[in-house]
């Protein structure tokens, strides 16, 4: 499977763990086999639209939240995106970002 299924799986796992649910418990809620949920979380299987709705309901989020996985982007892509933001920012804004970074 591709990058989207991998990130979707990671996001579902992240949201599941945030709810303190095991794979087995979420699978029970979804009336699915834990092995199927494991395949989804590993990005091996993409859930159908109906399953996405059930998963989002079980996790207490909107479906669109399952696709909010920007934070799983690799380092190089993030640096490129930050670079684009900084290119159009004024000097004062760049200085603020710099101060934020060095104070982390």
PDB file of N, CA and C in Angstrom:
ATOM      1  N   UNK A   1       0.838  -1.182   0.000  1.00  0.00           N
ATOM      2  CA  UNK A   1       0.000   0.000   0.000  1.00  0.00           C
ATOM      3  C   UNK A   1       0.884   1.247   0.000  1.00  0.00           C
ATOM      4  N   UNK A   2       0.256   2.370  -0.205  1.00  0.00           N
ATOM      5  CA  UNK A   2       1.009   3.606  -0.364  1.00  0.00           C
ATOM      6  C   UNK A   2       1.141   4.427   0.895  1.00  0.00           C
ATOM      7  N   UNK A   3       1.650   5.611   0.683  1.00  0.00           N
ATOM      8  CA  UNK A   3       1.928   6.552   1.776  1.00  0.00           C
ATOM      9  C   UNK A   3       0.647   6.979   2.497  1.00  0.00           C
ATOM     10  N   UNK A   4      -0.436   7.168   1.743  1.00  0.00           N
ATOM     11  CA  UNK A   4      -1.702   7.591   2.364  1.00  0.00           C
ATOM     12  C   UNK A   4      -2.217   6.535   3.323  1.00  0.00           C
ATOM     13  N   UNK A   5      -2.204   5.277   2.898  1.00  0.00           N
ATOM     14  CA  UNK A   5      -2.707   4.219   3.785  1.00  0.00           C
ATOM     15  C   UNK A   5      -1.822   4.081   5.025  1.00  0.00           C
ATOM     16  N   UNK A   6      -0.512   4.281   4.860  1.00  0.00           N
ATOM     17  CA  UNK A   6       0.397   4.196   6.005  1.00  0.00           C
ATOM     18  C   UNK A   6       0.110   5.311   7.008  1.00  0.00           C
ATOM     19  N   UNK A   7      -0.041   6.536   6.498  1.00  0.00           N
ATOM     20  CA  UNK A   7      -0.309   7.670   7.390  1.00  0.00           C
ATOM     21  C   UNK A   7      -1.694   7.577   8.022  1.00  0.00           C
ATOM     22  N   UNK A   8      -2.676   7.117   7.259  1.00  0.00           N
ATOM     23  CA  UNK A   8      -4.021   6.930   7.802  1.00  0.00           C
ATOM     24  C   UNK A   8      -3.973   5.919   8.943  1.00  0.00           C
ATOM     25  N   UNK A   9      -3.264   4.819   8.729  1.00  0.00           N
ATOM     26  CA  UNK A   9      -3.130   3.799   9.774  1.00  0.00           C
ATOM     27  C   UNK A   9      -2.456   4.340  11.023  1.00  0.00           C
ATOM     28  N   UNK A  10      -1.386   5.111  10.822  1.00  0.00           N
ATOM     29  CA  UNK A  10      -0.702   5.717  11.965  1.00  0.00           C
ATOM     30  C   UNK A  10      -1.622   6.667  12.721  1.00  0.00           C
ATOM     31  N   UNK A  11      -2.428   7.409  11.965  1.00  0.00           N
ATOM     32  CA  UNK A  11      -3.343   8.372  12.602  1.00  0.00           C
ATOM     33  C   UNK A  11      -4.418   7.644  13.406  1.00  0.00           C
ATOM     34  N   UNK A  12      -4.968   6.578  12.842  1.00  0.00           N
ATOM     35  CA  UNK A  12      -5.984   5.806  13.570  1.00  0.00           C
ATOM     36  C   UNK A  12      -5.383   5.235  14.850  1.00  0.00           C
ATOM     37  N   UNK A  13      -4.171   4.700  14.737  1.00  0.00           N
ATOM     38  CA  UNK A  13      -3.488   4.162  15.924  1.00  0.00           C
ATOM     39  C   UNK A  13      -3.263   5.262  16.959  1.00  0.00           C
ATOM     40  N   UNK A  14      -2.816   6.422  16.509  1.00  0.00           N
ATOM     41  CA  UNK A  14      -2.571   7.549  17.409  1.00  0.00           C
ATOM     42  C   UNK A  14      -3.854   7.943  18.151  1.00  0.00           C
ATOM     43  N   UNK A  15      -4.957   8.055  17.420  1.00  0.00           N
ATOM     44  CA  UNK A  15      -6.232   8.444  18.035  1.00  0.00           C
ATOM     45  C   UNK A  15      -6.745   7.352  18.973  1.00  0.00           C
ATOM     46  N   UNK A  16      -6.540   6.100  18.582  1.00  0.00           N
ATOM     47  CA  UNK A  16      -6.958   4.977  19.437  1.00  0.00           C
ATOM     48  C   UNK A  16      -6.194   5.023  20.751  1.00  0.00           C
ATOM     49  N   UNK A  17      -4.892   5.194  20.670  1.00  0.00           N
ATOM     50  CA  UNK A  17      -4.076   5.233  21.883  1.00  0.00           C
ATOM     51  C   UNK A  17      -4.407   6.444  22.749  1.00  0.00           C
ATOM     52  N   UNK A  18      -4.778   7.545  22.114  1.00  0.00           N
ATOM     53  CA  UNK A  18      -5.176   8.747  22.851  1.00  0.00           C
ATOM     54  C   UNK A  18      -6.437   8.474  23.679  1.00  0.00           C
ATOM     55  N   UNK A  19      -7.280   7.584  23.180  1.00  0.00           N
ATOM     56  CA  UNK A  19      -8.501   7.209  23.895  1.00  0.00           C
ATOM     57  C   UNK A  19      -8.257   6.056  24.885  1.00  0.00           C
ATOM     58  N   UNK A  20      -6.977   5.655  25.013  1.00  0.00           N
ATOM     59  CA  UNK A  20      -6.595   4.534  25.879  1.00  0.00           C
ATOM     60  C   UNK A  20      -7.326   3.246  25.513  1.00  0.00           C
ATOM     61  N   UNK A  21      -7.477   3.028  24.214  1.00  0.00           N
ATOM     62  CA  UNK A  21      -8.109   1.809  23.724  1.00  0.00           C
ATOM     63  C   UNK A  21      -7.053   0.872  23.160  1.00  0.00           C
ATOM     64  N   UNK A  22      -7.180  -0.399  23.466  1.00  0.00           N
ATOM     65  CA  UNK A  22      -6.321  -1.389  22.822  1.00  0.00           C
ATOM     66  C   UNK A  22      -6.895  -1.699  21.449  1.00  0.00           C
ATOM     67  N   UNK A  23      -6.091  -2.334  20.613  1.00  0.00           N
ATOM     68  CA  UNK A  23      -6.605  -2.757  19.304  1.00  0.00           C
ATOM     69  C   UNK A  23      -7.782  -3.703  19.493  1.00  0.00           C
ATOM     70  N   UNK A  24      -7.653  -4.596  20.456  1.00  0.00           N
ATOM     71  CA  UNK A  24      -8.713  -5.569  20.703  1.00  0.00           C
ATOM     72  C   UNK A  24     -10.015  -4.885  21.103  1.00  0.00           C
ATOM     73  N   UNK A  25      -9.938  -3.896  21.987  1.00  0.00           N
ATOM     74  CA  UNK A  25     -11.139  -3.195  22.448  1.00  0.00           C
ATOM     75  C   UNK A  25     -11.790  -2.421  21.307  1.00  0.00           C
ATOM     76  N   UNK A  26     -10.977  -1.695  20.519  1.00  0.00           N
ATOM     77  CA  UNK A  26     -11.543  -0.954  19.389  1.00  0.00           C
ATOM     78  C   UNK A  26     -12.143  -1.917  18.368  1.00  0.00           C
ATOM     79  N   UNK A  27     -11.476  -3.028  18.139  1.00  0.00           N
ATOM     80  CA  UNK A  27     -12.007  -4.032  17.207  1.00  0.00           C
ATOM     81  C   UNK A  27     -13.358  -4.553  17.693  1.00  0.00           C
ATOM     82  N   UNK A  28     -13.490  -4.766  18.990  1.00  0.00           N
ATOM     83  CA  UNK A  28     -14.772  -5.209  19.562  1.00  0.00           C
ATOM     84  C   UNK A  28     -15.852  -4.155  19.337  1.00  0.00           C
ATOM     85  N   UNK A  29     -15.510  -2.888  19.575  1.00  0.00           N
ATOM     86  CA  UNK A  29     -16.464  -1.795  19.372  1.00  0.00           C
ATOM     87  C   UNK A  29     -16.911  -1.744  17.915  1.00  0.00           C
ATOM     88  N   UNK A  30     -15.960  -1.984  17.007  1.00  0.00           N
ATOM     89  CA  UNK A  30     -16.241  -1.927  15.573  1.00  0.00           C
ATOM     90  C   UNK A  30     -16.853  -3.215  15.040  1.00  0.00           C
ATOM     91  N   UNK A  31     -16.903  -4.242  15.892  1.00  0.00           N
ATOM     92  CA  UNK A  31     -17.395  -5.557  15.488  1.00  0.00           C
ATOM     93  C   UNK A  31     -16.545  -6.120  14.350  1.00  0.00           C
ATOM     94  N   UNK A  32     -15.225  -6.026  14.539  1.00  0.00           N
ATOM     95  CA  UNK A  32     -14.247  -6.504  13.554  1.00  0.00           C
ATOM     96  C   UNK A  32     -13.236  -7.392  14.255  1.00  0.00           C
ATOM     97  N   UNK A  33     -12.486  -8.104  13.467  1.00  0.00           N
ATOM     98  CA  UNK A  33     -11.377  -8.886  13.995  1.00  0.00           C
ATOM     99  C   UNK A  33     -10.216  -7.935  14.303  1.00  0.00           C
ATOM    100  N   UNK A  34      -9.517  -8.192  15.382  1.00  0.00           N
ATOM    101  CA  UNK A  34      -8.363  -7.361  15.742  1.00  0.00           C
ATOM    102  C   UNK A  34      -7.303  -7.411  14.643  1.00  0.00           C
ATOM    103  N   UNK A  35      -7.200  -8.530  13.958  1.00  0.00           N
ATOM    104  CA  UNK A  35      -6.211  -8.649  12.881  1.00  0.00           C
ATOM    105  C   UNK A  35      -6.533  -7.687  11.732  1.00  0.00           C
ATOM    106  N   UNK A  36      -7.824  -7.442  11.468  1.00  0.00           N
ATOM    107  CA  UNK A  36      -8.210  -6.482  10.430  1.00  0.00           C
ATOM    108  C   UNK A  36      -7.819  -5.066  10.838  1.00  0.00           C
ATOM    109  N   UNK A  37      -8.054  -4.729  12.089  1.00  0.00           N
ATOM    110  CA  UNK A  37      -7.682  -3.407  12.585  1.00  0.00           C
ATOM    111  C   UNK A  37      -6.162  -3.240  12.552  1.00  0.00           C
ATOM    112  N   UNK A  38      -5.444  -4.295  12.873  1.00  0.00           N
ATOM    113  CA  UNK A  38      -3.983  -4.258  12.811  1.00  0.00           C
ATOM    114  C   UNK A  38      -3.509  -3.971  11.390  1.00  0.00           C
ATOM    115  N   UNK A  39      -4.141  -4.582  10.406  1.00  0.00           N
ATOM    116  CA  UNK A  39      -3.778  -4.344   9.004  1.00  0.00           C
ATOM    117  C   UNK A  39      -4.029  -2.891   8.611  1.00  0.00           C
ATOM    118  N   UNK A  40      -5.113  -2.326   9.106  1.00  0.00           N
ATOM    119  CA  UNK A  40      -5.424  -0.917   8.820  1.00  0.00           C
ATOM    120  C   UNK A  40      -4.368  -0.022   9.450  1.00  0.00           C
ATOM    121  N   UNK A  41      -4.043  -0.272  10.707  1.00  0.00           N
ATOM    122  CA  UNK A  41      -3.078   0.567  11.417  1.00  0.00           C
ATOM    123  C   UNK A  41      -1.671   0.456  10.832  1.00  0.00           C
ATOM    124  N   UNK A  42      -1.350  -0.682  10.238  1.00  0.00           N
ATOM    125  CA  UNK A  42      -0.033  -0.843   9.611  1.00  0.00           C
ATOM    126  C   UNK A  42      -0.023  -0.334   8.179  1.00  0.00           C
ATOM    127  N   UNK A  43      -1.171   0.087   7.663  1.00  0.00           N
ATOM    128  CA  UNK A  43      -1.242   0.603   6.306  1.00  0.00           C
ATOM    129  C   UNK A  43      -1.296  -0.467   5.244  1.00  0.00           C
ATOM    130  N   UNK A  44      -1.542  -1.706   5.653  1.00  0.00           N
ATOM    131  CA  UNK A  44      -1.615  -2.827   4.724  1.00  0.00           C
ATOM    132  C   UNK A  44      -2.982  -2.879   4.048  1.00  0.00           C
ATOM    133  N   UNK A  45      -3.990  -2.389   4.741  1.00  0.00           N
ATOM    134  CA  UNK A  45      -5.376  -2.423   4.252  1.00  0.00           C
ATOM    135  C   UNK A  45      -5.989  -1.039   4.433  1.00  0.00           C
ATOM    136  N   UNK A  46      -6.706  -0.586   3.413  1.00  0.00           N
ATOM    137  CA  UNK A  46      -7.405   0.695   3.502  1.00  0.00           C
ATOM    138  C   UNK A  46      -8.865   0.422   3.846  1.00  0.00           C
ATOM    139  N   UNK A  47      -9.364   1.066   4.900  1.00  0.00           N
ATOM    140  CA  UNK A  47     -10.772   0.835   5.261  1.00  0.00           C
ATOM    141  C   UNK A  47     -11.719   1.463   4.241  1.00  0.00           C
ATOM    142  N   UNK A  48     -12.844   0.802   4.053  1.00  0.00           N
ATOM    143  CA  UNK A  48     -13.879   1.344   3.168  1.00  0.00           C
ATOM    144  C   UNK A  48     -14.545   2.526   3.860  1.00  0.00           C
ATOM    145  N   UNK A  49     -15.304   3.279   3.085  1.00  0.00           N
ATOM    146  CA  UNK A  49     -15.953   4.489   3.613  1.00  0.00           C
ATOM    147  C   UNK A  49     -16.810   4.169   4.839  1.00  0.00           C
ATOM    148  N   UNK A  50     -17.552   3.090   4.782  1.00  0.00           N
ATOM    149  CA  UNK A  50     -18.408   2.693   5.906  1.00  0.00           C
ATOM    150  C   UNK A  50     -17.568   2.422   7.160  1.00  0.00           C
ATOM    151  N   UNK A  51     -16.433   1.769   6.980  1.00  0.00           N
ATOM    152  CA  UNK A  51     -15.547   1.481   8.111  1.00  0.00           C
ATOM    153  C   UNK A  51     -14.929   2.763   8.662  1.00  0.00           C
ATOM    154  N   UNK A  52     -14.575   3.694   7.778  1.00  0.00           N
ATOM    155  CA  UNK A  52     -14.034   4.971   8.241  1.00  0.00           C
ATOM    156  C   UNK A  52     -15.032   5.693   9.137  1.00  0.00           C
ATOM    157  N   UNK A  53     -16.289   5.637   8.753  1.00  0.00           N
ATOM    158  CA  UNK A  53     -17.326   6.277   9.562  1.00  0.00           C
ATOM    159  C   UNK A  53     -17.439   5.607  10.926  1.00  0.00           C
ATOM    160  N   UNK A  54     -17.408   4.280  10.956  1.00  0.00           N
ATOM    161  CA  UNK A  54     -17.486   3.553  12.223  1.00  0.00           C
ATOM    162  C   UNK A  54     -16.272   3.844  13.107  1.00  0.00           C
ATOM    163  N   UNK A  55     -15.102   3.874  12.485  1.00  0.00           N
ATOM    164  CA  UNK A  55     -13.878   4.151  13.242  1.00  0.00           C
ATOM    165  C   UNK A  55     -13.922   5.556  13.831  1.00  0.00           C
ATOM    166  N   UNK A  56     -14.311   6.531  13.017  1.00  0.00           N
ATOM    167  CA  UNK A  56     -14.361   7.908  13.522  1.00  0.00           C
ATOM    168  C   UNK A  56     -15.371   8.041  14.650  1.00  0.00           C
ATOM    169  N   UNK A  57     -16.518   7.390  14.517  1.00  0.00           N
ATOM    170  CA  UNK A  57     -17.524   7.427  15.586  1.00  0.00           C
ATOM    171  C   UNK A  57     -16.990   6.787  16.866  1.00  0.00           C
ATOM    172  N   UNK A  58     -16.325   5.649  16.718  1.00  0.00           N
ATOM    173  CA  UNK A  58     -15.792   4.949  17.894  1.00  0.00           C
ATOM    174  C   UNK A  58     -14.710   5.772  18.592  1.00  0.00           C
ATOM    175  N   UNK A  59     -13.968   6.551  17.816  1.00  0.00           N
ATOM    176  CA  UNK A  59     -12.898   7.368  18.388  1.00  0.00           C
ATOM    177  C   UNK A  59     -13.375   8.763  18.777  1.00  0.00           C
ATOM    178  N   UNK A  60     -14.638   9.075  18.475  1.00  0.00           N
ATOM    179  CA  UNK A  60     -15.211  10.367  18.860  1.00  0.00           C
ATOM    180  C   UNK A  60     -14.677  11.538  18.073  1.00  0.00           C
ATOM    181  N   UNK A  61     -14.337  11.292  16.796  1.00  0.00           N
ATOM    182  CA  UNK A  61     -13.823  12.367  15.936  1.00  0.00           C
ATOM    183  C   UNK A  61     -14.591  12.359  14.614  1.00  0.00           C
ATOM    184  N   UNK A  62     -14.501  13.484  13.893  1.00  0.00           N
ATOM    185  CA  UNK A  62     -15.078  13.530  12.554  1.00  0.00           C
ATOM    186  C   UNK A  62     -14.162  12.759  11.606  1.00  0.00           C
ATOM    187  N   UNK A  63     -14.724  12.262  10.518  1.00  0.00           N
ATOM    188  CA  UNK A  63     -13.937  11.489   9.553  1.00  0.00           C
ATOM    189  C   UNK A  63     -12.722  12.283   9.079  1.00  0.00           C
ATOM    190  N   UNK A  64     -12.904  13.571   8.841  1.00  0.00           N
ATOM    191  CA  UNK A  64     -11.784  14.377   8.336  1.00  0.00           C
ATOM    192  C   UNK A  64     -10.608  14.365   9.296  1.00  0.00           C
ATOM    193  N   UNK A  65     -10.857  14.160  10.580  1.00  0.00           N
ATOM    194  CA  UNK A  65      -9.778  14.129  11.567  1.00  0.00           C
ATOM    195  C   UNK A  65      -8.876  12.902  11.374  1.00  0.00           C
ATOM    196  N   UNK A  66      -9.420  11.836  10.792  1.00  0.00           N
ATOM    197  CA  UNK A  66      -8.608  10.652  10.510  1.00  0.00           C
ATOM    198  C   UNK A  66      -7.530  10.960   9.471  1.00  0.00           C
ATOM    199  N   UNK A  67      -7.790  11.973   8.655  1.00  0.00           N
ATOM    200  CA  UNK A  67      -6.851  12.336   7.591  1.00  0.00           C
ATOM    201  C   UNK A  67      -5.985  13.536   7.976  1.00  0.00           C
ATOM    202  N   UNK A  68      -6.013  13.898   9.229  1.00  0.00           N
ATOM    203  CA  UNK A  68      -5.177  14.985   9.731  1.00  0.00           C
ATOM    204  C   UNK A  68      -3.868  14.373  10.215  1.00  0.00           C
ATOM    205  N   UNK A  69      -3.018  14.039   9.260  1.00  0.00           N
ATOM    206  CA  UNK A  69      -1.767  13.371   9.600  1.00  0.00           C
ATOM    207  C   UNK A  69      -0.550  14.115   9.062  1.00  0.00           C
ATOM    208  N   UNK A  70      -0.675  15.410   8.961  1.00  0.00           N
ATOM    209  CA  UNK A  70       0.439  16.238   8.483  1.00  0.00           C
ATOM    210  C   UNK A  70       1.684  16.056   9.351  1.00  0.00           C
ATOM    211  N   UNK A  71       1.490  15.832  10.633  1.00  0.00           N
ATOM    212  CA  UNK A  71       2.619  15.707  11.548  1.00  0.00           C
ATOM    213  C   UNK A  71       3.422  14.424  11.334  1.00  0.00           C
ATOM    214  N   UNK A  72       2.934  13.531  10.469  1.00  0.00           N
ATOM    215  CA  UNK A  72       3.692  12.321  10.134  1.00  0.00           C
ATOM    216  C   UNK A  72       4.595  12.537   8.923  1.00  0.00           C
ATOM    217  N   UNK A  73       4.659  13.758   8.442  1.00  0.00           N
ATOM    218  CA  UNK A  73       5.464  14.070   7.268  1.00  0.00           C
ATOM    219  C   UNK A  73       6.944  13.945   7.621  1.00  0.00           C
ATOM    220  N   UNK A  74       7.739  13.483   6.674  1.00  0.00           N
ATOM    221  CA  UNK A  74       9.166  13.294   6.925  1.00  0.00           C
ATOM    222  C   UNK A  74       9.878  14.635   7.088  1.00  0.00           C
ATOM    223  N   UNK A  75      11.046  14.583   7.663  1.00  0.00           N
ATOM    224  CA  UNK A  75      11.818  15.777   8.018  1.00  0.00           C
ATOM    225  C   UNK A  75      12.075  16.675   6.805  1.00  0.00           C
ATOM    226  N   UNK A  76      12.487  16.091   5.691  1.00  0.00           N
ATOM    227  CA  UNK A  76      12.821  16.888   4.515  1.00  0.00           C
ATOM    228  C   UNK A  76      11.607  17.659   3.997  1.00  0.00           C
ATOM    229  N   UNK A  77      10.457  17.019   3.978  1.00  0.00           N
ATOM    230  CA  UNK A  77       9.236  17.688   3.521  1.00  0.00           C
ATOM    231  C   UNK A  77       8.856  18.831   4.448  1.00  0.00           C
ATOM    232  N   UNK A  78       9.013  18.605   5.746  1.00  0.00           N
ATOM    233  CA  UNK A  78       8.700  19.660   6.708  1.00  0.00           C
ATOM    234  C   UNK A  78       9.638  20.848   6.546  1.00  0.00           C
ATOM    235  N   UNK A  79      10.904  20.573   6.351  1.00  0.00           N
ATOM    236  CA  UNK A  79      11.867  21.662   6.163  1.00  0.00           C
ATOM    237  C   UNK A  79      11.522  22.466   4.910  1.00  0.00           C
ATOM    238  N   UNK A  80      11.139  21.779   3.850  1.00  0.00           N
ATOM    239  CA  UNK A  80      10.744  22.462   2.617  1.00  0.00           C
ATOM    240  C   UNK A  80       9.528  23.353   2.856  1.00  0.00           C
ATOM    241  N   UNK A  81       8.542  22.851   3.586  1.00  0.00           N
ATOM    242  CA  UNK A  81       7.339  23.640   3.876  1.00  0.00           C
ATOM    243  C   UNK A  81       7.668  24.856   4.747  1.00  0.00           C
ATOM    244  N   UNK A  82       8.507  24.643   5.746  1.00  0.00           N
ATOM    245  CA  UNK A  82       8.914  25.758   6.612  1.00  0.00           C
ATOM    246  C   UNK A  82       9.667  26.797   5.792  1.00  0.00           C
ATOM    247  N   UNK A  83      10.533  26.324   4.921  1.00  0.00           N
ATOM    248  CA  UNK A  83      11.308  27.219   4.066  1.00  0.00           C
ATOM    249  C   UNK A  83      10.389  28.104   3.212  1.00  0.00           C
ATOM    250  N   UNK A  84       9.337  27.508   2.668  1.00  0.00           N
ATOM    251  CA  UNK A  84       8.388  28.268   1.839  1.00  0.00           C
ATOM    252  C   UNK A  84       7.667  29.331   2.671  1.00  0.00           C
ATOM    253  N   UNK A  85       7.319  28.981   3.897  1.00  0.00           N
ATOM    254  CA  UNK A  85       6.655  29.944   4.785  1.00  0.00           C
ATOM    255  C   UNK A  85       7.590  31.111   5.083  1.00  0.00           C
ATOM    256  N   UNK A  86       8.840  30.784   5.380  1.00  0.00           N
ATOM    257  CA  UNK A  86       9.807  31.819   5.746  1.00  0.00           C
ATOM    258  C   UNK A  86      10.183  32.715   4.570  1.00  0.00           C
ATOM    259  N   UNK A  87      10.150  32.171   3.367  1.00  0.00           N
ATOM    260  CA  UNK A  87      10.496  32.958   2.174  1.00  0.00           C
ATOM    261  C   UNK A  87       9.585  34.170   1.998  1.00  0.00           C
ATOM    262  N   UNK A  88       8.324  34.031   2.360  1.00  0.00           N
ATOM    263  CA  UNK A  88       7.365  35.122   2.149  1.00  0.00           C
ATOM    264  C   UNK A  88       7.135  35.960   3.408  1.00  0.00           C
ATOM    265  N   UNK A  89       7.708  35.513   4.531  1.00  0.00           N
ATOM    266  CA  UNK A  89       7.511  36.235   5.785  1.00  0.00           C
ATOM    267  C   UNK A  89       8.428  37.456   5.855  1.00  0.00           C
ATOM    268  N   UNK A  90       7.969  38.458   6.591  1.00  0.00           N
ATOM    269  CA  UNK A  90       8.818  39.638   6.782  1.00  0.00           C
ATOM    270  C   UNK A  90       9.883  39.333   7.840  1.00  0.00           C
ATOM    271  N   UNK A  91      10.856  40.207   7.958  1.00  0.00           N
ATOM    272  CA  UNK A  91      12.002  39.997   8.845  1.00  0.00           C
ATOM    273  C   UNK A  91      11.571  39.811  10.297  1.00  0.00           C
ATOM    274  N   UNK A  92      10.635  40.613  10.738  1.00  0.00           N
ATOM    275  CA  UNK A  92      10.179  40.537  12.130  1.00  0.00           C
ATOM    276  C   UNK A  92       9.563  39.152  12.431  1.00  0.00           C
ATOM    277  N   UNK A  93       8.783  38.640  11.504  1.00  0.00           N
ATOM    278  CA  UNK A  93       8.162  37.324  11.684  1.00  0.00           C
ATOM    279  C   UNK A  93       9.229  36.230  11.713  1.00  0.00           C
ATOM    280  N   UNK A  94      10.199  36.306  10.818  1.00  0.00           N
ATOM    281  CA  UNK A  94      11.287  35.323  10.791  1.00  0.00           C
ATOM    282  C   UNK A  94      12.046  35.355  12.117  1.00  0.00           C
ATOM    283  N   UNK A  95      12.280  36.537  12.645  1.00  0.00           N
ATOM    284  CA  UNK A  95      12.974  36.670  13.928  1.00  0.00           C
ATOM    285  C   UNK A  95      12.170  36.016  15.055  1.00  0.00           C
ATOM    286  N   UNK A  96      10.845  36.188  15.022  1.00  0.00           N
ATOM    287  CA  UNK A  96       9.985  35.555  16.043  1.00  0.00           C
ATOM    288  C   UNK A  96      10.077  34.029  15.952  1.00  0.00           C
ATOM    289  N   UNK A  97      10.021  33.501  14.730  1.00  0.00           N
ATOM    290  CA  UNK A  97      10.134  32.049  14.546  1.00  0.00           C
ATOM    291  C   UNK A  97      11.489  31.541  15.043  1.00  0.00           C
ATOM    292  N   UNK A  98      12.516  32.305  14.748  1.00  0.00           N
ATOM    293  CA  UNK A  98      13.858  31.940  15.192  1.00  0.00           C
ATOM    294  C   UNK A  98      13.911  31.867  16.722  1.00  0.00           C
ATOM    295  N   UNK A  99      13.371  32.869  17.376  1.00  0.00           N
ATOM    296  CA  UNK A  99      13.364  32.899  18.835  1.00  0.00           C
ATOM    297  C   UNK A  99      12.565  31.718  19.400  1.00  0.00           C
ATOM    298  N   UNK A 100      11.455  31.408  18.771  1.00  0.00           N
ATOM    299  CA  UNK A 100      10.667  30.244  19.207  1.00  0.00           C
ATOM    300  C   UNK A 100      11.490  28.959  19.131  1.00  0.00           C
ATOM    301  N   UNK A 101      12.193  28.801  18.039  1.00  0.00           N
ATOM    302  CA  UNK A 101      12.979  27.589  17.821  1.00  0.00           C
ATOM    303  C   UNK A 101      14.136  27.450  18.820  1.00  0.00           C
ATOM    304  N   UNK A 102      14.838  28.531  19.053  1.00  0.00           N
ATOM    305  CA  UNK A 102      15.993  28.417  19.949  1.00  0.00           C
ATOM    306  C   UNK A 102      15.575  28.288  21.409  1.00  0.00           C
ATOM    307  N   UNK A 103      14.332  28.637  21.724  1.00  0.00           N
ATOM    308  CA  UNK A 103      13.853  28.525  23.107  1.00  0.00           C
ATOM    309  C   UNK A 103      13.103  27.216  23.388  1.00  0.00           C
ATOM    310  N   UNK A 104      13.094  26.317  22.436  1.00  0.00           N
ATOM    311  CA  UNK A 104      12.411  25.035  22.651  1.00  0.00           C
ATOM    312  C   UNK A 104      13.155  24.159  23.620  1.00  0.00           C
TER     313      UNK A 104
END
